[in-house]
Amino acid sequence: MNEALKITELSVDYATPYGRKPALREVTLALTEGRVLGIVGESGSGKSTLLHAIARLLPAAATITTGTIECLGTRIDAMTPREFAPFRGRIISAMVQDAGSGLHPLMTIGAQIDETLRYIAPETTSGRSSAADLMKRVGLDPALADRHPHRLSGGQRQRVGLALALAGAPKILLADEPTASLDTIGRLEFAELLRDTVRTAGIAAMLVSHDVGLIGAVADDIAVVLDGRVVERGSVGGILRAPQHGYTQTLIAASARASAA
């Protein structure tokens, strides 16, 4: 399998009223085609900062201080916004925690997917049929295209978010806590959809979550982040069966207690 994204010794700092605060420290990771890399850690560990650095969504207060990010052999961390524009949505695509917050409340779902297709994939000849294809791909009935976001369930809105992220046929998909707003059944269904989509399309994916159980259900590989550093990484099966770092052991034990409750 081919390496789609390579992160080498990446460090990110945030400017605060009290000086610079490190958010990531010398992180080295890779994303591989057809596989999901799960990034797990508690709130504030730096896992979302990692995703935002790759997607070029860091806030103005954040600065990449060391390291590189390479996408398909091209360094992207030093690109200007204009240079990165051809990558956004077409090569690297991201979906947020609450897809509903990014949907226009006065536009139908079909119209929003059509608009995204026209922007990201202008070569598409029939926006409506392509929108229907995307909806089917994420398990949505195309008849829902005429509905507004408020008439969809939380799980359906997340599927719309995934459809929008897939509109440009990206090589890399970044998902930041995509199941956080869903109930248990919704989380499991979306996890299965995400895993199957990645494997079928050969996408290289990063899934950020504090939920070890979700990572175990979706990911092939895992990286555990603590205080901005990757403290353990490897195959999901290997790490969940025999975690070596104390923090990883604590996360797994907490997940087991939550599942048993």
C-alpha atoms as a PDB file:
ATOM      1  CA  MET A   1       0.000   0.000   0.000  1.00  0.00           C
ATOM      2  CA  ASN A   2       1.175   3.518  -0.814  1.00  0.00           C
ATOM      3  CA  GLU A   3       1.907   6.267   1.691  1.00  0.00           C
ATOM      4  CA  ALA A   4      -0.398   9.215   0.971  1.00  0.00           C
ATOM      5  CA  LEU A   5       0.646  11.578   3.755  1.00  0.00           C
ATOM      6  CA  LYS A   6       3.871  11.824   5.732  1.00  0.00           C
ATOM      7  CA  ILE A   7       4.306  13.945   8.860  1.00  0.00           C
ATOM      8  CA  THR A   8       7.859  14.361  10.131  1.00  0.00           C
ATOM      9  CA  GLU A   9       8.904  15.893  13.472  1.00  0.00           C
ATOM     10  CA  LEU A  10       5.934  18.292  13.438  1.00  0.00           C
ATOM     11  CA  SER A  11       5.690  20.839  16.256  1.00  0.00           C
ATOM     12  CA  VAL A  12       2.993  23.509  16.684  1.00  0.00           C
ATOM     13  CA  ASP A  13       2.883  26.345  19.226  1.00  0.00           C
ATOM     14  CA  TYR A  14       0.036  28.673  20.225  1.00  0.00           C
ATOM     15  CA  ALA A  15       0.528  32.309  21.168  1.00  0.00           C
ATOM     16  CA  THR A  16      -1.100  33.073  24.533  1.00  0.00           C
ATOM     17  CA  PRO A  17      -1.063  36.124  26.834  1.00  0.00           C
ATOM     18  CA  TYR A  18       1.509  34.199  28.881  1.00  0.00           C
ATOM     19  CA  GLY A  19       3.830  33.344  26.010  1.00  0.00           C
ATOM     20  CA  ARG A  20       4.096  30.485  23.528  1.00  0.00           C
ATOM     21  CA  LYS A  21       2.384  27.229  24.471  1.00  0.00           C
ATOM     22  CA  PRO A  22       3.397  23.992  22.710  1.00  0.00           C
ATOM     23  CA  ALA A  23       0.448  22.027  21.303  1.00  0.00           C
ATOM     24  CA  LEU A  24       2.336  19.414  19.266  1.00  0.00           C
ATOM     25  CA  ARG A  25       5.861  18.198  19.875  1.00  0.00           C
ATOM     26  CA  GLU A  26       7.890  16.429  17.185  1.00  0.00           C
ATOM     27  CA  VAL A  27       5.066  14.254  15.858  1.00  0.00           C
ATOM     28  CA  THR A  28       5.987  11.744  13.157  1.00  0.00           C
ATOM     29  CA  LEU A  29       3.188   9.747  11.499  1.00  0.00           C
ATOM     30  CA  ALA A  30       2.014   8.499   8.105  1.00  0.00           C
ATOM     31  CA  LEU A  31      -1.332   7.819   6.420  1.00  0.00           C
ATOM     32  CA  THR A  32      -1.591   4.876   4.036  1.00  0.00           C
ATOM     33  CA  GLU A  33      -4.068   4.332   1.205  1.00  0.00           C
ATOM     34  CA  GLY A  34      -7.034   2.172   2.199  1.00  0.00           C
ATOM     35  CA  ARG A  35      -6.293   2.370   5.927  1.00  0.00           C
ATOM     36  CA  VAL A  36      -7.618   4.405   8.848  1.00  0.00           C
ATOM     37  CA  LEU A  37      -5.197   5.878  11.377  1.00  0.00           C
ATOM     38  CA  GLY A  38      -6.941   6.558  14.667  1.00  0.00           C
ATOM     39  CA  ILE A  39      -5.645   9.449  16.779  1.00  0.00           C
ATOM     40  CA  VAL A  40      -6.788   9.044  20.372  1.00  0.00           C
ATOM     41  CA  GLY A  41      -6.234  11.165  23.453  1.00  0.00           C
ATOM     42  CA  GLU A  42      -8.020  13.278  26.028  1.00  0.00           C
ATOM     43  CA  SER A  43      -9.266  16.819  25.379  1.00  0.00           C
ATOM     44  CA  GLY A  44      -6.350  19.228  25.004  1.00  0.00           C
ATOM     45  CA  SER A  45      -3.867  16.508  24.082  1.00  0.00           C
ATOM     46  CA  GLY A  46      -3.169  18.039  20.668  1.00  0.00           C
ATOM     47  CA  LYS A  47      -4.984  15.555  18.455  1.00  0.00           C
ATOM     48  CA  SER A  48      -7.289  18.118  16.812  1.00  0.00           C
ATOM     49  CA  THR A  49      -4.366  20.511  16.332  1.00  0.00           C
ATOM     50  CA  LEU A  50      -2.660  17.758  14.329  1.00  0.00           C
ATOM     51  CA  LEU A  51      -5.676  17.400  12.037  1.00  0.00           C
ATOM     52  CA  HIS A  52      -6.014  21.165  11.629  1.00  0.00           C
ATOM     53  CA  ALA A  53      -2.326  21.478  10.748  1.00  0.00           C
ATOM     54  CA  ILE A  54      -2.721  18.943   7.935  1.00  0.00           C
ATOM     55  CA  ALA A  55      -5.918  20.577   6.643  1.00  0.00           C
ATOM     56  CA  ARG A  56      -4.417  24.074   6.864  1.00  0.00           C
ATOM     57  CA  LEU A  57      -7.118  25.115   9.323  1.00  0.00           C
ATOM     58  CA  LEU A  58      -4.923  26.293  12.187  1.00  0.00           C
ATOM     59  CA  PRO A  59      -6.030  29.571  13.821  1.00  0.00           C
ATOM     60  CA  ALA A  60      -3.918  32.701  13.500  1.00  0.00           C
ATOM     61  CA  ALA A  61      -2.443  32.160  16.965  1.00  0.00           C
ATOM     62  CA  ALA A  62      -0.916  28.830  15.922  1.00  0.00           C
ATOM     63  CA  THR A  63       2.479  28.440  14.276  1.00  0.00           C
ATOM     64  CA  ILE A  64       4.228  25.380  12.868  1.00  0.00           C
ATOM     65  CA  THR A  65       7.663  25.715  14.456  1.00  0.00           C
ATOM     66  CA  THR A  66       9.398  22.569  13.212  1.00  0.00           C
ATOM     67  CA  GLY A  67       8.805  19.641  10.896  1.00  0.00           C
ATOM     68  CA  THR A  68       7.188  18.963   7.547  1.00  0.00           C
ATOM     69  CA  ILE A  69       3.945  17.626   6.072  1.00  0.00           C
ATOM     70  CA  GLU A  70       4.161  15.887   2.701  1.00  0.00           C
ATOM     71  CA  CYS A  71       1.118  14.940   0.630  1.00  0.00           C
ATOM     72  CA  LEU A  72       1.715  12.484  -2.216  1.00  0.00           C
ATOM     73  CA  GLY A  73       5.361  13.530  -2.251  1.00  0.00           C
ATOM     74  CA  THR A  74       4.681  17.293  -2.205  1.00  0.00           C
ATOM     75  CA  ARG A  75       5.447  19.400   0.845  1.00  0.00           C
ATOM     76  CA  ILE A  76       2.304  21.308   1.857  1.00  0.00           C
ATOM     77  CA  ASP A  77       3.078  22.831   5.262  1.00  0.00           C
ATOM     78  CA  ALA A  78       4.917  25.814   3.754  1.00  0.00           C
ATOM     79  CA  MET A  79       2.394  26.476   0.968  1.00  0.00           C
ATOM     80  CA  THR A  80       0.511  29.755   0.721  1.00  0.00           C
ATOM     81  CA  PRO A  81      -3.312  29.530   0.842  1.00  0.00           C
ATOM     82  CA  ARG A  82      -3.376  30.028  -2.923  1.00  0.00           C
ATOM     83  CA  GLU A  83      -0.868  27.227  -3.494  1.00  0.00           C
ATOM     84  CA  PHE A  84      -2.847  24.901  -1.209  1.00  0.00           C
ATOM     85  CA  ALA A  85      -6.215  25.663  -2.848  1.00  0.00           C
ATOM     86  CA  PRO A  86      -5.986  22.839  -5.451  1.00  0.00           C
ATOM     87  CA  PHE A  87      -5.470  20.353  -2.599  1.00  0.00           C
ATOM     88  CA  ARG A  88      -8.458  21.439  -0.508  1.00  0.00           C
ATOM     89  CA  GLY A  89     -11.436  19.147  -1.014  1.00  0.00           C
ATOM     90  CA  ARG A  90      -9.853  17.462  -4.023  1.00  0.00           C
ATOM     91  CA  ILE A  91      -6.847  15.753  -2.473  1.00  0.00           C
ATOM     92  CA  ILE A  92      -7.313  16.468   1.236  1.00  0.00           C
ATOM     93  CA  SER A  93     -10.824  16.725   2.634  1.00  0.00           C
ATOM     94  CA  ALA A  94     -11.990  17.209   6.212  1.00  0.00           C
ATOM     95  CA  MET A  95     -15.250  16.677   8.041  1.00  0.00           C
ATOM     96  CA  VAL A  96     -16.053  18.364  11.325  1.00  0.00           C
ATOM     97  CA  GLN A  97     -17.520  17.164  14.598  1.00  0.00           C
ATOM     98  CA  ASP A  98     -21.029  18.529  14.000  1.00  0.00           C
ATOM     99  CA  ALA A  99     -21.830  18.531  10.282  1.00  0.00           C
ATOM    100  CA  GLY A 100     -25.123  20.292  10.939  1.00  0.00           C
ATOM    101  CA  SER A 101     -23.309  23.447  12.032  1.00  0.00           C
ATOM    102  CA  GLY A 102     -21.710  23.731   8.592  1.00  0.00           C
ATOM    103  CA  LEU A 103     -24.919  23.290   6.598  1.00  0.00           C
ATOM    104  CA  HIS A 104     -26.892  26.286   5.333  1.00  0.00           C
ATOM    105  CA  PRO A 105     -30.257  26.212   7.148  1.00  0.00           C
ATOM    106  CA  LEU A 106     -32.148  27.772   4.209  1.00  0.00           C
ATOM    107  CA  MET A 107     -30.769  25.500   1.469  1.00  0.00           C
ATOM    108  CA  THR A 108     -31.912  21.969   0.757  1.00  0.00           C
ATOM    109  CA  ILE A 109     -29.438  19.146   1.167  1.00  0.00           C
ATOM    110  CA  GLY A 110     -29.442  18.453  -2.558  1.00  0.00           C
ATOM    111  CA  ALA A 111     -28.698  22.093  -3.382  1.00  0.00           C
ATOM    112  CA  GLN A 112     -25.765  22.142  -0.961  1.00  0.00           C
ATOM    113  CA  ILE A 113     -24.260  18.979  -2.411  1.00  0.00           C
ATOM    114  CA  ASP A 114     -24.774  20.350  -5.937  1.00  0.00           C
ATOM    115  CA  GLU A 115     -23.030  23.598  -4.989  1.00  0.00           C
ATOM    116  CA  THR A 116     -20.077  21.709  -3.518  1.00  0.00           C
ATOM    117  CA  LEU A 117     -19.779  19.564  -6.633  1.00  0.00           C
ATOM    118  CA  ARG A 118     -19.802  22.627  -8.888  1.00  0.00           C
ATOM    119  CA  TYR A 119     -16.991  24.198  -6.866  1.00  0.00           C
ATOM    120  CA  ILE A 120     -14.811  21.151  -6.261  1.00  0.00           C
ATOM    121  CA  ALA A 121     -15.642  19.072  -9.333  1.00  0.00           C
ATOM    122  CA  PRO A 122     -16.719  21.513 -12.088  1.00  0.00           C
ATOM    123  CA  GLU A 123     -16.181  18.807 -14.699  1.00  0.00           C
ATOM    124  CA  THR A 124     -19.269  17.014 -13.350  1.00  0.00           C
ATOM    125  CA  THR A 125     -21.870  17.126 -16.131  1.00  0.00           C
ATOM    126  CA  SER A 126     -24.994  16.414 -14.114  1.00  0.00           C
ATOM    127  CA  GLY A 127     -24.915  17.821 -10.623  1.00  0.00           C
ATOM    128  CA  ARG A 128     -28.253  16.346  -9.623  1.00  0.00           C
ATOM    129  CA  SER A 129     -27.417  12.785 -10.610  1.00  0.00           C
ATOM    130  CA  SER A 130     -23.975  13.117  -9.012  1.00  0.00           C
ATOM    131  CA  ALA A 131     -25.566  14.410  -5.801  1.00  0.00           C
ATOM    132  CA  ALA A 132     -27.887  11.396  -5.798  1.00  0.00           C
ATOM    133  CA  ASP A 133     -24.919   9.078  -6.293  1.00  0.00           C
ATOM    134  CA  LEU A 134     -23.096  10.656  -3.364  1.00  0.00           C
ATOM    135  CA  MET A 135     -26.157  10.345  -1.146  1.00  0.00           C
ATOM    136  CA  LYS A 136     -26.534   6.667  -1.998  1.00  0.00           C
ATOM    137  CA  ARG A 137     -22.854   6.131  -1.294  1.00  0.00           C
ATOM    138  CA  VAL A 138     -23.253   7.346   2.299  1.00  0.00           C
ATOM    139  CA  GLY A 139     -26.498   5.470   2.874  1.00  0.00           C
ATOM    140  CA  LEU A 140     -28.956   8.333   2.342  1.00  0.00           C
ATOM    141  CA  ASP A 141     -32.140   8.070   0.302  1.00  0.00           C
ATOM    142  CA  PRO A 142     -31.827  10.559  -2.620  1.00  0.00           C
ATOM    143  CA  ALA A 143     -35.430  11.555  -1.867  1.00  0.00           C
ATOM    144  CA  LEU A 144     -34.026  13.443   1.140  1.00  0.00           C
ATOM    145  CA  ALA A 145     -32.299  15.868  -1.245  1.00  0.00           C
ATOM    146  CA  ASP A 146     -35.306  18.210  -1.110  1.00  0.00           C
ATOM    147  CA  ARG A 147     -35.216  18.500   2.677  1.00  0.00           C
ATOM    148  CA  HIS A 148     -33.606  21.254   4.717  1.00  0.00           C
ATOM    149  CA  PRO A 149     -31.049  20.338   7.412  1.00  0.00           C
ATOM    150  CA  HIS A 150     -33.463  20.776  10.336  1.00  0.00           C
ATOM    151  CA  ARG A 151     -35.637  17.987   8.904  1.00  0.00           C
ATOM    152  CA  LEU A 152     -32.827  15.444   9.136  1.00  0.00           C
ATOM    153  CA  SER A 153     -31.672  13.461  12.151  1.00  0.00           C
ATOM    154  CA  GLY A 154     -28.211  13.989  13.615  1.00  0.00           C
ATOM    155  CA  GLY A 155     -26.996  10.802  11.973  1.00  0.00           C
ATOM    156  CA  GLN A 156     -28.363  11.870   8.596  1.00  0.00           C
ATOM    157  CA  ARG A 157     -26.654  15.268   8.878  1.00  0.00           C
ATOM    158  CA  GLN A 158     -23.339  13.550   9.607  1.00  0.00           C
ATOM    159  CA  ARG A 159     -23.827  11.432   6.489  1.00  0.00           C
ATOM    160  CA  VAL A 160     -24.420  14.621   4.511  1.00  0.00           C
ATOM    161  CA  GLY A 161     -21.155  15.921   5.961  1.00  0.00           C
ATOM    162  CA  LEU A 162     -19.393  12.784   4.752  1.00  0.00           C
ATOM    163  CA  ALA A 163     -20.978  13.138   1.295  1.00  0.00           C
ATOM    164  CA  LEU A 164     -19.696  16.717   1.071  1.00  0.00           C
ATOM    165  CA  ALA A 165     -16.226  15.582   2.152  1.00  0.00           C
ATOM    166  CA  LEU A 166     -16.230  12.909  -0.568  1.00  0.00           C
ATOM    167  CA  ALA A 167     -17.502  15.220  -3.335  1.00  0.00           C
ATOM    168  CA  GLY A 168     -14.038  15.933  -4.718  1.00  0.00           C
ATOM    169  CA  ALA A 169     -12.962  12.259  -4.647  1.00  0.00           C
ATOM    170  CA  PRO A 170     -10.145  13.042  -2.178  1.00  0.00           C
ATOM    171  CA  LYS A 171      -7.127  10.848  -1.585  1.00  0.00           C
ATOM    172  CA  ILE A 172      -7.024  11.779   2.109  1.00  0.00           C
ATOM    173  CA  LEU A 173      -9.972  12.121   4.519  1.00  0.00           C
ATOM    174  CA  LEU A 174      -9.623  13.785   7.921  1.00  0.00           C
ATOM    175  CA  ALA A 175     -12.445  13.253  10.431  1.00  0.00           C
ATOM    176  CA  ASP A 176     -12.512  15.168  13.726  1.00  0.00           C
ATOM    177  CA  GLU A 177     -14.763  13.476  16.315  1.00  0.00           C
ATOM    178  CA  PRO A 178     -17.440  12.764  13.656  1.00  0.00           C
ATOM    179  CA  THR A 179     -19.632  10.694  15.988  1.00  0.00           C
ATOM    180  CA  ALA A 180     -19.484  12.902  19.098  1.00  0.00           C
ATOM    181  CA  SER A 181     -23.056  14.177  18.666  1.00  0.00           C
ATOM    182  CA  LEU A 182     -24.589  10.768  17.883  1.00  0.00           C
ATOM    183  CA  ASP A 183     -26.182   8.155  20.123  1.00  0.00           C
ATOM    184  CA  THR A 184     -24.648   4.695  20.558  1.00  0.00           C
ATOM    185  CA  ILE A 185     -26.411   3.115  17.575  1.00  0.00           C
ATOM    186  CA  GLY A 186     -25.679   6.135  15.397  1.00  0.00           C
ATOM    187  CA  ARG A 187     -21.988   5.987  16.337  1.00  0.00           C
ATOM    188  CA  LEU A 188     -21.724   2.318  15.412  1.00  0.00           C
ATOM    189  CA  GLU A 189     -23.540   2.787  12.100  1.00  0.00           C
ATOM    190  CA  PHE A 190     -21.429   5.776  11.116  1.00  0.00           C
ATOM    191  CA  ALA A 191     -18.234   4.011  12.168  1.00  0.00           C
ATOM    192  CA  GLU A 192     -19.055   1.077   9.901  1.00  0.00           C
ATOM    193  CA  LEU A 193     -19.890   3.424   7.010  1.00  0.00           C
ATOM    194  CA  LEU A 194     -16.627   5.340   7.422  1.00  0.00           C
ATOM    195  CA  ARG A 195     -14.541   2.175   7.567  1.00  0.00           C
ATOM    196  CA  ASP A 196     -16.206   0.644   4.504  1.00  0.00           C
ATOM    197  CA  THR A 197     -15.952   3.904   2.525  1.00  0.00           C
ATOM    198  CA  VAL A 198     -12.224   4.198   3.175  1.00  0.00           C
ATOM    199  CA  ARG A 199     -11.488   0.617   2.207  1.00  0.00           C
ATOM    200  CA  THR A 200     -13.679   0.603  -0.898  1.00  0.00           C
ATOM    201  CA  ALA A 201     -12.305   3.881  -2.266  1.00  0.00           C
ATOM    202  CA  GLY A 202      -8.706   3.311  -1.179  1.00  0.00           C
ATOM    203  CA  ILE A 203      -8.699   6.567   0.785  1.00  0.00           C
ATOM    204  CA  ALA A 204      -6.060   7.295   3.421  1.00  0.00           C
ATOM    205  CA  ALA A 205      -7.979   8.430   6.506  1.00  0.00           C
ATOM    206  CA  MET A 206      -7.295   9.973   9.897  1.00  0.00           C
ATOM    207  CA  LEU A 207      -9.955   9.617  12.589  1.00  0.00           C
ATOM    208  CA  VAL A 208      -9.553  11.819  15.663  1.00  0.00           C
ATOM    209  CA  SER A 209     -11.453  10.726  18.766  1.00  0.00           C
ATOM    210  CA  HIS A 210     -11.283  10.392  22.539  1.00  0.00           C
ATOM    211  CA  ASP A 211     -13.352   7.190  22.190  1.00  0.00           C
ATOM    212  CA  VAL A 212     -11.050   4.163  22.248  1.00  0.00           C
ATOM    213  CA  GLY A 213     -13.968   1.866  21.428  1.00  0.00           C
ATOM    214  CA  LEU A 214     -14.740   3.822  18.254  1.00  0.00           C
ATOM    215  CA  ILE A 215     -11.084   3.770  17.199  1.00  0.00           C
ATOM    216  CA  GLY A 216     -11.012   0.026  17.784  1.00  0.00           C
ATOM    217  CA  ALA A 217     -14.075  -0.463  15.574  1.00  0.00           C
ATOM    218  CA  VAL A 218     -12.902   1.699  12.668  1.00  0.00           C
ATOM    219  CA  ALA A 219      -9.139   2.107  12.588  1.00  0.00           C
ATOM    220  CA  ASP A 220      -6.396  -0.168  11.314  1.00  0.00           C
ATOM    221  CA  ASP A 221      -3.630   1.673  13.138  1.00  0.00           C
ATOM    222  CA  ILE A 222      -3.595   3.876  16.210  1.00  0.00           C
ATOM    223  CA  ALA A 223      -1.497   6.712  17.623  1.00  0.00           C
ATOM    224  CA  VAL A 224      -1.976   7.729  21.249  1.00  0.00           C
ATOM    225  CA  VAL A 225      -1.368  11.427  21.941  1.00  0.00           C
ATOM    226  CA  LEU A 226      -0.531  12.900  25.343  1.00  0.00           C
ATOM    227  CA  ASP A 227       0.548  16.513  25.931  1.00  0.00           C
ATOM    228  CA  GLY A 228       1.247  17.006  22.233  1.00  0.00           C
ATOM    229  CA  ARG A 229       3.424  13.919  21.836  1.00  0.00           C
ATOM    230  CA  VAL A 230       2.723  10.518  20.309  1.00  0.00           C
ATOM    231  CA  VAL A 231       3.457   8.193  23.228  1.00  0.00           C
ATOM    232  CA  GLU A 232       2.460   4.933  21.535  1.00  0.00           C
ATOM    233  CA  ARG A 233       1.554   3.798  18.041  1.00  0.00           C
ATOM    234  CA  GLY A 234       1.030   0.601  16.106  1.00  0.00           C
ATOM    235  CA  SER A 235      -1.729  -1.690  14.877  1.00  0.00           C
ATOM    236  CA  VAL A 236      -5.073  -1.346  16.635  1.00  0.00           C
ATOM    237  CA  GLY A 237      -5.187  -5.027  17.516  1.00  0.00           C
ATOM    238  CA  GLY A 238      -1.689  -5.055  18.942  1.00  0.00           C
ATOM    239  CA  ILE A 239      -2.090  -1.949  21.076  1.00  0.00           C
ATOM    240  CA  LEU A 240      -5.577  -2.746  22.374  1.00  0.00           C
ATOM    241  CA  ARG A 241      -4.459  -6.265  23.343  1.00  0.00           C
ATOM    242  CA  ALA A 242      -1.143  -5.284  24.899  1.00  0.00           C
ATOM    243  CA  PRO A 243      -0.743  -1.527  25.523  1.00  0.00           C
ATOM    244  CA  GLN A 244       2.761  -0.605  26.661  1.00  0.00           C
ATOM    245  CA  HIS A 245       2.430   3.004  27.806  1.00  0.00           C
ATOM    246  CA  GLY A 246       0.706   3.750  31.088  1.00  0.00           C
ATOM    247  CA  TYR A 247      -1.479   6.442  29.521  1.00  0.00           C
ATOM    248  CA  THR A 248      -2.700   4.024  26.845  1.00  0.00           C
ATOM    249  CA  GLN A 249      -3.514   1.486  29.543  1.00  0.00           C
ATOM    250  CA  THR A 250      -5.508   4.134  31.422  1.00  0.00           C
ATOM    251  CA  LEU A 251      -7.494   5.112  28.306  1.00  0.00           C
ATOM    252  CA  ILE A 252      -8.356   1.495  27.510  1.00  0.00           C
ATOM    253  CA  ALA A 253      -9.374   0.760  31.105  1.00  0.00           C
ATOM    254  CA  ALA A 254     -11.593   3.862  31.198  1.00  0.00           C
ATOM    255  CA  SER A 255     -13.239   2.841  27.916  1.00  0.00           C
ATOM    256  CA  ALA A 256     -13.913  -0.649  29.273  1.00  0.00           C
ATOM    257  CA  ARG A 257     -15.535   0.789  32.418  1.00  0.00           C
ATOM    258  CA  ALA A 258     -17.709   3.128  30.349  1.00  0.00           C
ATOM    259  CA  SER A 259     -18.849   0.246  28.125  1.00  0.00           C
ATOM    260  CA  ALA A 260     -19.731  -1.873  31.153  1.00  0.00           C
ATOM    261  CA  ALA A 261     -21.725   0.909  32.847  1.00  0.00           C
END
